[in-house]
């Protein structure tokens, strides 16, 4: 037998083996985004807030719903399982300071929202996929007048809460998120 025929026969069997292995399963890795339809659809509900800030609480819910909707797993608002989001606190501190008439005055403020979330599979069920505390912050300019400053802080609190809500939803879905 000529060596050429043996090479051709072994090449054909090798090629058949490669094709069989490539089509039989895979390595087990799954894409973070895309791929199969998610098995669990979640609704979003608010847990009793630890901070009395209605604007931030609404921002937290809005951010979580927006992220779940973007990922295609948002369920009707009253169903189970549900993502429970809790507003832990809203922190405001000076981010830039200037001296005005010898007195330090804030020129910008950092508004940070601390929140946590978990999945509740049924009414009264134990929490699963608990996120722990998560913090998101926004730096906002400090207004010159008192009503203007209050409005800027409310807007900053809502923006930080929406970012926290999005991060909570990503964390519960298993999408990697940066911790602040």
N, C-alpha and C. Protein backbone atom coordinates (compact mmCIF):
# COMPACT_ATOMS: atom_id res chain seq x y z
N UNK A 1 0.84 -1.17 0.00
CA UNK A 1 0.00 0.00 0.00
C UNK A 1 0.89 1.24 0.00
N UNK A 2 0.46 2.22 -0.75
CA UNK A 2 1.25 3.43 -0.84
C UNK A 2 1.01 4.31 0.39
N UNK A 3 2.03 5.02 0.80
CA UNK A 3 1.89 5.89 1.98
C UNK A 3 0.86 7.01 1.77
N UNK A 4 0.65 7.39 0.52
CA UNK A 4 -0.31 8.47 0.23
C UNK A 4 -1.71 8.05 0.64
N UNK A 5 -2.07 6.80 0.36
CA UNK A 5 -3.41 6.34 0.71
C UNK A 5 -3.59 6.27 2.22
N UNK A 6 -2.55 5.86 2.94
CA UNK A 6 -2.66 5.81 4.39
C UNK A 6 -2.84 7.20 4.98
N UNK A 7 -2.15 8.17 4.46
CA UNK A 7 -2.27 9.55 4.93
C UNK A 7 -3.67 10.07 4.65
N UNK A 8 -4.19 9.78 3.47
CA UNK A 8 -5.54 10.24 3.13
C UNK A 8 -6.57 9.58 4.03
N UNK A 9 -6.42 8.29 4.31
CA UNK A 9 -7.37 7.59 5.17
C UNK A 9 -7.29 8.12 6.59
N UNK A 10 -6.08 8.34 7.11
CA UNK A 10 -5.95 8.84 8.48
C UNK A 10 -6.42 10.29 8.58
N UNK A 11 -6.23 11.08 7.52
CA UNK A 11 -6.71 12.47 7.53
C UNK A 11 -8.23 12.51 7.54
N UNK A 12 -8.86 11.62 6.80
CA UNK A 12 -10.32 11.59 6.76
C UNK A 12 -10.89 11.17 8.12
N UNK A 13 -10.26 10.19 8.76
CA UNK A 13 -10.76 9.75 10.07
C UNK A 13 -10.52 10.84 11.12
N UNK A 14 -9.40 11.54 11.03
CA UNK A 14 -9.13 12.63 11.95
C UNK A 14 -10.14 13.76 11.77
N UNK A 15 -10.45 14.10 10.54
CA UNK A 15 -11.43 15.13 10.24
C UNK A 15 -12.81 14.73 10.76
N UNK A 16 -13.17 13.49 10.61
CA UNK A 16 -14.45 12.99 11.14
C UNK A 16 -14.50 13.08 12.65
N UNK A 17 -13.40 12.79 13.32
CA UNK A 17 -13.34 12.89 14.77
C UNK A 17 -13.51 14.34 15.22
N UNK A 18 -12.85 15.27 14.55
CA UNK A 18 -12.95 16.69 14.89
C UNK A 18 -14.39 17.18 14.72
N UNK A 19 -15.04 16.80 13.63
CA UNK A 19 -16.42 17.22 13.39
C UNK A 19 -17.34 16.63 14.46
N UNK A 20 -17.14 15.38 14.84
CA UNK A 20 -17.98 14.74 15.85
C UNK A 20 -17.81 15.41 17.21
N UNK A 21 -16.58 15.73 17.57
CA UNK A 21 -16.34 16.39 18.86
C UNK A 21 -16.89 17.80 18.89
N UNK A 22 -16.79 18.52 17.79
CA UNK A 22 -17.27 19.90 17.73
C UNK A 22 -18.78 19.96 17.87
N UNK A 23 -19.48 19.00 17.38
CA UNK A 23 -20.93 19.01 17.43
C UNK A 23 -21.52 18.33 18.64
N UNK A 24 -20.70 17.77 19.52
CA UNK A 24 -21.24 16.99 20.64
C UNK A 24 -21.10 17.73 21.97
N UNK A 25 -21.98 18.68 22.23
CA UNK A 25 -21.99 19.33 23.54
C UNK A 25 -21.24 20.62 23.52
N UNK A 26 -20.17 20.67 24.21
CA UNK A 26 -19.39 21.90 24.31
C UNK A 26 -18.59 21.87 25.58
N UNK A 27 -18.07 23.00 25.93
CA UNK A 27 -17.18 23.07 27.08
C UNK A 27 -17.91 23.37 28.37
N UNK A 28 -19.17 23.76 28.32
CA UNK A 28 -19.91 24.05 29.53
C UNK A 28 -20.02 25.52 29.84
N UNK A 29 -19.28 26.37 29.16
CA UNK A 29 -19.38 27.80 29.38
C UNK A 29 -20.68 28.32 28.77
N UNK A 30 -21.28 29.29 29.42
CA UNK A 30 -22.51 29.91 28.92
C UNK A 30 -22.28 31.41 28.80
N UNK A 31 -22.86 32.05 27.80
CA UNK A 31 -22.69 33.49 27.68
C UNK A 31 -23.42 34.23 28.80
N UNK A 32 -22.83 35.34 29.25
CA UNK A 32 -23.47 36.12 30.30
C UNK A 32 -24.73 36.77 29.75
N UNK A 33 -24.67 37.28 28.54
CA UNK A 33 -25.83 37.92 27.92
C UNK A 33 -26.21 37.15 26.67
N UNK A 34 -27.49 37.14 26.38
CA UNK A 34 -27.95 36.44 25.18
C UNK A 34 -28.10 34.96 25.47
N UNK A 35 -28.11 34.17 24.43
CA UNK A 35 -28.24 32.74 24.60
C UNK A 35 -29.67 32.34 24.87
N UNK A 36 -29.86 31.39 25.77
CA UNK A 36 -31.18 30.86 26.07
C UNK A 36 -32.07 31.90 26.75
N UNK A 37 -33.37 31.66 26.65
CA UNK A 37 -34.35 32.50 27.35
C UNK A 37 -34.17 32.29 28.85
N UNK A 38 -34.16 33.35 29.65
CA UNK A 38 -33.98 33.18 31.10
C UNK A 38 -35.10 32.31 31.69
N UNK A 39 -34.74 31.46 32.63
CA UNK A 39 -35.70 30.54 33.23
C UNK A 39 -36.61 31.27 34.22
N UNK A 40 -36.12 32.31 34.87
CA UNK A 40 -36.87 33.00 35.90
C UNK A 40 -37.19 34.42 35.47
N UNK A 41 -38.46 34.76 35.50
CA UNK A 41 -38.88 36.13 35.26
C UNK A 41 -39.20 36.73 36.63
N UNK A 42 -38.84 37.99 36.84
CA UNK A 42 -38.99 38.62 38.14
C UNK A 42 -39.85 39.86 38.08
N UNK A 43 -40.68 40.05 39.09
CA UNK A 43 -41.34 41.33 39.28
C UNK A 43 -40.50 42.10 40.31
N UNK A 44 -40.81 43.36 40.51
CA UNK A 44 -40.03 44.19 41.44
C UNK A 44 -40.98 44.77 42.48
N UNK A 45 -40.57 44.69 43.74
CA UNK A 45 -41.36 45.27 44.83
C UNK A 45 -40.40 45.93 45.81
N UNK A 46 -40.95 46.86 46.56
CA UNK A 46 -40.14 47.59 47.53
C UNK A 46 -40.31 46.99 48.91
N UNK A 47 -39.20 46.77 49.58
CA UNK A 47 -39.22 46.36 50.99
C UNK A 47 -39.36 47.64 51.82
N UNK A 48 -39.73 47.53 53.08
CA UNK A 48 -39.79 48.73 53.91
C UNK A 48 -38.45 49.46 53.90
N UNK A 49 -38.52 50.74 53.58
CA UNK A 49 -37.29 51.53 53.42
C UNK A 49 -36.70 51.91 54.77
N UNK A 50 -35.38 51.91 54.82
CA UNK A 50 -34.69 52.35 56.02
C UNK A 50 -34.45 53.84 56.03
N UNK A 51 -34.67 54.49 54.89
CA UNK A 51 -34.46 55.94 54.77
C UNK A 51 -35.76 56.57 54.27
N UNK A 52 -36.15 57.68 54.86
CA UNK A 52 -37.41 58.33 54.46
C UNK A 52 -37.22 59.25 53.25
N UNK A 53 -36.88 58.69 52.12
CA UNK A 53 -36.67 59.47 50.90
C UNK A 53 -37.48 58.84 49.78
N UNK A 54 -38.66 59.36 49.54
CA UNK A 54 -39.57 58.78 48.55
C UNK A 54 -39.00 58.87 47.14
N UNK A 55 -38.32 59.96 46.83
CA UNK A 55 -37.75 60.13 45.49
C UNK A 55 -36.69 59.07 45.22
N UNK A 56 -35.84 58.81 46.20
CA UNK A 56 -34.80 57.78 46.03
C UNK A 56 -35.43 56.39 45.98
N UNK A 57 -36.47 56.15 46.76
CA UNK A 57 -37.13 54.84 46.75
C UNK A 57 -37.75 54.56 45.38
N UNK A 58 -38.37 55.57 44.78
CA UNK A 58 -38.94 55.41 43.44
C UNK A 58 -37.84 55.22 42.39
N UNK A 59 -36.73 55.91 42.55
CA UNK A 59 -35.60 55.73 41.64
C UNK A 59 -35.03 54.32 41.71
N UNK A 60 -34.99 53.76 42.91
CA UNK A 60 -34.50 52.39 43.11
C UNK A 60 -35.39 51.39 42.37
N UNK A 61 -36.71 51.53 42.52
CA UNK A 61 -37.65 50.66 41.82
C UNK A 61 -37.55 50.84 40.31
N UNK A 62 -37.46 52.08 39.88
CA UNK A 62 -37.38 52.39 38.45
C UNK A 62 -36.12 51.80 37.81
N UNK A 63 -34.98 51.93 38.49
CA UNK A 63 -33.73 51.38 37.97
C UNK A 63 -33.76 49.87 37.87
N UNK A 64 -34.32 49.21 38.90
CA UNK A 64 -34.40 47.74 38.88
C UNK A 64 -35.32 47.27 37.76
N UNK A 65 -36.48 47.92 37.61
CA UNK A 65 -37.40 47.54 36.54
C UNK A 65 -36.78 47.76 35.16
N UNK A 66 -36.08 48.87 35.00
CA UNK A 66 -35.45 49.16 33.71
C UNK A 66 -34.42 48.10 33.35
N UNK A 67 -33.62 47.68 34.30
CA UNK A 67 -32.59 46.67 34.02
C UNK A 67 -33.20 45.30 33.75
N UNK A 68 -34.19 44.90 34.53
CA UNK A 68 -34.85 43.62 34.28
C UNK A 68 -35.55 43.63 32.93
N UNK A 69 -36.16 44.76 32.57
CA UNK A 69 -36.79 44.88 31.26
C UNK A 69 -35.78 44.80 30.14
N UNK A 70 -34.63 45.42 30.33
CA UNK A 70 -33.57 45.39 29.31
C UNK A 70 -33.05 43.97 29.10
N UNK A 71 -33.02 43.19 30.17
CA UNK A 71 -32.55 41.81 30.08
C UNK A 71 -33.66 40.84 29.66
N UNK A 72 -34.90 41.34 29.57
CA UNK A 72 -36.01 40.51 29.12
C UNK A 72 -36.59 39.59 30.17
N UNK A 73 -36.45 39.92 31.46
CA UNK A 73 -36.96 39.06 32.52
C UNK A 73 -37.94 39.76 33.44
N UNK A 74 -38.47 40.92 33.02
CA UNK A 74 -39.41 41.66 33.87
C UNK A 74 -40.79 41.02 33.79
N UNK A 75 -41.36 40.72 34.95
CA UNK A 75 -42.69 40.10 35.07
C UNK A 75 -43.68 41.16 35.52
N UNK A 76 -44.95 40.81 35.55
CA UNK A 76 -45.98 41.75 36.00
C UNK A 76 -45.69 42.17 37.45
N UNK A 77 -46.14 43.35 37.84
CA UNK A 77 -45.74 43.90 39.15
C UNK A 77 -46.23 43.13 40.37
N UNK A 78 -47.22 42.27 40.23
CA UNK A 78 -47.77 41.61 41.42
C UNK A 78 -47.36 40.15 41.55
N UNK A 79 -46.62 39.61 40.61
CA UNK A 79 -46.32 38.19 40.62
C UNK A 79 -45.11 37.81 41.46
N UNK A 80 -44.95 36.52 41.60
CA UNK A 80 -43.77 35.92 42.24
C UNK A 80 -43.09 35.06 41.20
N UNK A 81 -41.82 34.84 41.29
CA UNK A 81 -40.85 35.41 42.22
C UNK A 81 -40.64 36.90 41.96
N UNK A 82 -40.19 37.58 42.99
CA UNK A 82 -40.00 39.02 42.86
C UNK A 82 -38.67 39.45 43.46
N UNK A 83 -38.14 40.48 42.86
CA UNK A 83 -36.93 41.12 43.38
C UNK A 83 -37.38 42.16 44.39
N UNK A 84 -37.00 41.97 45.63
CA UNK A 84 -37.30 42.93 46.68
C UNK A 84 -36.12 43.89 46.80
N UNK A 85 -36.39 45.18 46.72
CA UNK A 85 -35.32 46.18 46.85
C UNK A 85 -35.59 47.01 48.10
N UNK A 86 -34.53 47.28 48.84
CA UNK A 86 -34.64 48.05 50.08
C UNK A 86 -33.67 49.22 50.04
N UNK A 87 -34.19 50.40 50.27
CA UNK A 87 -33.38 51.60 50.39
C UNK A 87 -32.85 51.65 51.81
N UNK A 88 -31.55 51.51 51.98
CA UNK A 88 -30.97 51.48 53.32
C UNK A 88 -30.73 52.89 53.83
N UNK A 89 -30.05 53.72 53.01
CA UNK A 89 -29.81 55.10 53.42
C UNK A 89 -29.39 55.95 52.23
N UNK A 90 -29.50 57.25 52.42
CA UNK A 90 -29.04 58.24 51.45
C UNK A 90 -28.06 59.14 52.18
N UNK A 91 -26.82 59.19 51.69
CA UNK A 91 -25.77 60.01 52.31
C UNK A 91 -25.49 61.22 51.43
N UNK A 92 -25.37 62.39 52.05
CA UNK A 92 -25.01 63.61 51.34
C UNK A 92 -23.81 64.20 52.05
N UNK A 93 -22.76 64.47 51.28
CA UNK A 93 -21.58 65.09 51.88
C UNK A 93 -20.95 66.05 50.87
N UNK A 94 -20.21 67.00 51.39
CA UNK A 94 -19.56 67.98 50.54
C UNK A 94 -18.50 67.30 49.69
N UNK A 95 -18.49 67.64 48.40
CA UNK A 95 -17.50 67.05 47.50
C UNK A 95 -16.45 68.09 47.10
N UNK A 96 -16.79 69.34 47.16
CA UNK A 96 -15.85 70.42 46.87
C UNK A 96 -16.20 71.57 47.80
N UNK A 97 -15.20 72.19 48.39
CA UNK A 97 -15.43 73.23 49.39
C UNK A 97 -14.72 74.51 48.96
N UNK A 98 -15.38 75.62 49.16
CA UNK A 98 -14.80 76.93 48.88
C UNK A 98 -14.99 77.80 50.13
N UNK A 99 -14.18 78.80 50.26
CA UNK A 99 -14.31 79.73 51.39
C UNK A 99 -15.09 80.95 50.92
N UNK A 100 -16.15 81.25 51.63
CA UNK A 100 -16.95 82.44 51.33
C UNK A 100 -17.05 83.25 52.62
N UNK A 101 -16.45 84.44 52.61
CA UNK A 101 -16.40 85.31 53.80
C UNK A 101 -15.76 84.58 54.99
N UNK A 102 -14.74 83.79 54.70
CA UNK A 102 -14.04 83.09 55.76
C UNK A 102 -14.74 81.85 56.28
N UNK A 103 -15.86 81.48 55.67
CA UNK A 103 -16.63 80.32 56.11
C UNK A 103 -16.60 79.27 55.00
N UNK A 104 -16.32 78.01 55.33
CA UNK A 104 -16.33 76.98 54.29
C UNK A 104 -17.75 76.74 53.77
N UNK A 105 -17.89 76.68 52.45
CA UNK A 105 -19.18 76.49 51.79
C UNK A 105 -19.03 75.37 50.76
N UNK A 106 -20.03 74.50 50.69
CA UNK A 106 -20.00 73.41 49.71
C UNK A 106 -20.23 73.97 48.32
N UNK A 107 -19.40 73.55 47.36
CA UNK A 107 -19.56 73.94 45.96
C UNK A 107 -20.19 72.81 45.16
N UNK A 108 -20.04 71.60 45.66
CA UNK A 108 -20.66 70.42 45.06
C UNK A 108 -20.90 69.42 46.17
N UNK A 109 -21.88 68.55 45.95
CA UNK A 109 -22.18 67.53 46.95
C UNK A 109 -22.15 66.16 46.30
N UNK A 110 -21.77 65.18 47.09
CA UNK A 110 -21.81 63.79 46.65
C UNK A 110 -23.02 63.16 47.34
N UNK A 111 -23.95 62.68 46.52
CA UNK A 111 -25.14 62.03 47.05
C UNK A 111 -24.99 60.53 46.77
N UNK A 112 -24.98 59.75 47.84
CA UNK A 112 -24.80 58.30 47.70
C UNK A 112 -26.02 57.58 48.24
N UNK A 113 -26.41 56.52 47.53
CA UNK A 113 -27.53 55.69 47.93
C UNK A 113 -26.99 54.30 48.27
N UNK A 114 -27.38 53.79 49.41
CA UNK A 114 -27.03 52.43 49.81
C UNK A 114 -28.32 51.62 49.78
N UNK A 115 -28.30 50.51 49.06
CA UNK A 115 -29.49 49.67 48.91
C UNK A 115 -29.08 48.21 48.97
N UNK A 116 -30.07 47.36 49.18
CA UNK A 116 -29.84 45.92 49.11
C UNK A 116 -31.04 45.27 48.45
N UNK A 117 -30.86 44.07 47.97
CA UNK A 117 -31.95 43.37 47.29
C UNK A 117 -31.86 41.88 47.50
N UNK A 118 -32.97 41.20 47.25
CA UNK A 118 -33.03 39.74 47.33
C UNK A 118 -34.23 39.27 46.53
N UNK A 119 -34.24 37.99 46.23
CA UNK A 119 -35.36 37.40 45.51
C UNK A 119 -36.24 36.66 46.50
N UNK A 120 -37.53 36.90 46.41
CA UNK A 120 -38.52 36.20 47.23
C UNK A 120 -39.34 35.33 46.27
N UNK A 121 -39.23 34.01 46.39
CA UNK A 121 -39.87 33.08 45.46
C UNK A 121 -41.38 32.96 45.65
N UNK A 122 -41.86 33.14 46.85
CA UNK A 122 -43.30 33.07 47.14
C UNK A 122 -43.58 33.90 48.38
N UNK A 123 -44.84 34.19 48.64
CA UNK A 123 -45.19 34.98 49.82
C UNK A 123 -44.72 34.27 51.08
N UNK A 124 -43.96 34.96 51.90
CA UNK A 124 -43.46 34.38 53.14
C UNK A 124 -42.25 33.49 52.99
N UNK A 125 -41.75 33.31 51.76
CA UNK A 125 -40.58 32.44 51.53
C UNK A 125 -39.30 33.13 52.00
N UNK A 126 -38.32 32.31 52.32
CA UNK A 126 -37.03 32.84 52.74
C UNK A 126 -36.34 33.53 51.56
N UNK A 127 -35.59 34.60 51.82
CA UNK A 127 -34.91 35.30 50.73
C UNK A 127 -33.82 34.45 50.10
N UNK A 128 -33.69 34.56 48.78
CA UNK A 128 -32.60 33.91 48.05
C UNK A 128 -31.88 34.97 47.23
N UNK A 129 -30.71 34.64 46.74
CA UNK A 129 -29.90 35.55 45.92
C UNK A 129 -29.76 36.93 46.57
N UNK A 130 -29.40 36.96 47.82
CA UNK A 130 -29.25 38.20 48.59
C UNK A 130 -28.02 38.95 48.10
N UNK A 131 -28.17 40.24 47.85
CA UNK A 131 -27.08 41.03 47.27
C UNK A 131 -26.14 41.62 48.31
N UNK A 132 -26.61 41.83 49.51
CA UNK A 132 -25.83 42.58 50.47
C UNK A 132 -25.95 44.07 50.14
N UNK A 133 -25.31 44.91 50.93
CA UNK A 133 -25.39 46.35 50.69
C UNK A 133 -24.61 46.74 49.45
N UNK A 134 -25.19 47.62 48.67
CA UNK A 134 -24.59 48.09 47.43
C UNK A 134 -24.71 49.60 47.42
N UNK A 135 -23.66 50.30 47.04
CA UNK A 135 -23.62 51.76 47.10
C UNK A 135 -23.35 52.34 45.72
N UNK A 136 -24.10 53.36 45.36
CA UNK A 136 -23.88 54.12 44.13
C UNK A 136 -23.97 55.60 44.47
N UNK A 137 -23.10 56.41 43.88
CA UNK A 137 -23.09 57.84 44.21
C UNK A 137 -23.03 58.69 42.95
N UNK A 138 -23.49 59.93 43.11
CA UNK A 138 -23.51 60.92 42.04
C UNK A 138 -23.03 62.23 42.64
N UNK A 139 -22.18 62.95 41.93
CA UNK A 139 -21.74 64.27 42.36
C UNK A 139 -22.59 65.29 41.63
N UNK A 140 -23.16 66.21 42.41
CA UNK A 140 -24.05 67.23 41.85
C UNK A 140 -23.57 68.62 42.28
N UNK A 141 -23.79 69.62 41.43
CA UNK A 141 -23.42 70.99 41.83
C UNK A 141 -24.33 71.47 42.95
N UNK A 142 -23.81 72.31 43.79
CA UNK A 142 -24.60 72.87 44.87
C UNK A 142 -25.17 74.20 44.38
N UNK A 143 -26.47 74.33 44.44
CA UNK A 143 -27.13 75.56 44.00
C UNK A 143 -26.88 76.71 44.94
N UNK A 144 -27.08 77.91 44.45
CA UNK A 144 -26.85 79.10 45.28
C UNK A 144 -28.03 79.38 46.20
N UNK A 145 -29.23 79.04 45.77
CA UNK A 145 -30.42 79.29 46.59
C UNK A 145 -30.88 78.00 47.24
N UNK A 146 -31.55 78.11 48.35
CA UNK A 146 -31.98 76.95 49.09
C UNK A 146 -32.93 76.03 48.30
N UNK A 147 -33.98 76.55 47.63
CA UNK A 147 -34.84 75.65 46.85
C UNK A 147 -34.11 74.99 45.69
N UNK A 148 -33.20 75.73 45.07
CA UNK A 148 -32.42 75.17 43.97
C UNK A 148 -31.52 74.04 44.47
N UNK A 149 -30.88 74.23 45.61
CA UNK A 149 -30.01 73.20 46.18
C UNK A 149 -30.81 71.95 46.52
N UNK A 150 -32.01 72.12 47.08
CA UNK A 150 -32.84 70.97 47.44
C UNK A 150 -33.25 70.19 46.19
N UNK A 151 -33.60 70.90 45.12
CA UNK A 151 -33.99 70.24 43.87
C UNK A 151 -32.81 69.48 43.27
N UNK A 152 -31.62 70.07 43.29
CA UNK A 152 -30.44 69.39 42.75
C UNK A 152 -30.11 68.14 43.56
N UNK A 153 -30.27 68.20 44.87
CA UNK A 153 -30.01 67.03 45.71
C UNK A 153 -31.03 65.93 45.45
N UNK A 154 -32.30 66.29 45.28
CA UNK A 154 -33.34 65.28 44.97
C UNK A 154 -33.04 64.59 43.65
N UNK A 155 -32.65 65.38 42.64
CA UNK A 155 -32.31 64.80 41.34
C UNK A 155 -31.11 63.86 41.45
N UNK A 156 -30.10 64.30 42.21
CA UNK A 156 -28.91 63.46 42.39
C UNK A 156 -29.25 62.18 43.14
N UNK A 157 -30.12 62.27 44.15
CA UNK A 157 -30.52 61.08 44.90
C UNK A 157 -31.27 60.12 43.99
N UNK A 158 -32.12 60.63 43.14
CA UNK A 158 -32.86 59.76 42.21
C UNK A 158 -31.91 59.09 41.22
N UNK A 159 -30.95 59.84 40.69
CA UNK A 159 -29.98 59.27 39.74
C UNK A 159 -29.16 58.18 40.41
N UNK A 160 -28.68 58.43 41.62
CA UNK A 160 -27.89 57.43 42.34
C UNK A 160 -28.74 56.20 42.66
N UNK A 161 -30.01 56.42 43.01
CA UNK A 161 -30.90 55.30 43.33
C UNK A 161 -31.20 54.46 42.08
N UNK A 162 -31.39 55.11 40.93
CA UNK A 162 -31.61 54.36 39.69
C UNK A 162 -30.39 53.51 39.35
N UNK A 163 -29.21 54.07 39.53
CA UNK A 163 -27.98 53.30 39.29
C UNK A 163 -27.89 52.12 40.26
N UNK A 164 -28.27 52.34 41.51
CA UNK A 164 -28.25 51.25 42.50
C UNK A 164 -29.27 50.17 42.14
N UNK A 165 -30.45 50.58 41.70
CA UNK A 165 -31.48 49.62 41.29
C UNK A 165 -31.03 48.77 40.12
N UNK A 166 -30.38 49.40 39.13
CA UNK A 166 -29.85 48.64 37.99
C UNK A 166 -28.79 47.65 38.44
N UNK A 167 -27.92 48.09 39.34
CA UNK A 167 -26.85 47.21 39.84
C UNK A 167 -27.42 46.04 40.65
N UNK A 168 -28.46 46.29 41.45
CA UNK A 168 -29.09 45.20 42.21
C UNK A 168 -29.67 44.15 41.27
N UNK A 169 -30.36 44.61 40.23
CA UNK A 169 -30.97 43.66 39.28
C UNK A 169 -29.88 42.85 38.57
N UNK A 170 -28.80 43.50 38.15
CA UNK A 170 -27.71 42.77 37.48
C UNK A 170 -27.10 41.74 38.43
N UNK A 171 -26.92 42.13 39.68
CA UNK A 171 -26.32 41.22 40.66
C UNK A 171 -27.19 39.98 40.86
N UNK A 172 -28.50 40.17 40.99
CA UNK A 172 -29.42 39.06 41.20
C UNK A 172 -29.46 38.14 39.97
N UNK A 173 -29.31 38.73 38.78
CA UNK A 173 -29.31 37.92 37.55
C UNK A 173 -27.98 37.22 37.31
N UNK A 174 -26.97 37.54 38.12
CA UNK A 174 -25.68 36.89 37.95
C UNK A 174 -24.76 37.60 36.96
N UNK A 175 -25.11 38.81 36.59
CA UNK A 175 -24.28 39.60 35.68
C UNK A 175 -23.23 40.32 36.52
N UNK A 176 -21.97 40.19 36.19
CA UNK A 176 -20.94 40.83 37.01
C UNK A 176 -21.14 42.34 37.09
N UNK A 177 -21.03 42.87 38.31
CA UNK A 177 -21.14 44.30 38.54
C UNK A 177 -19.98 44.76 39.41
N UNK A 178 -19.58 45.99 39.20
CA UNK A 178 -18.52 46.56 40.03
C UNK A 178 -19.11 47.01 41.36
N UNK A 179 -18.40 46.78 42.41
CA UNK A 179 -18.84 47.27 43.72
C UNK A 179 -18.22 48.63 43.92
N UNK A 180 -18.97 49.53 44.53
CA UNK A 180 -18.43 50.87 44.79
C UNK A 180 -17.95 50.95 46.20
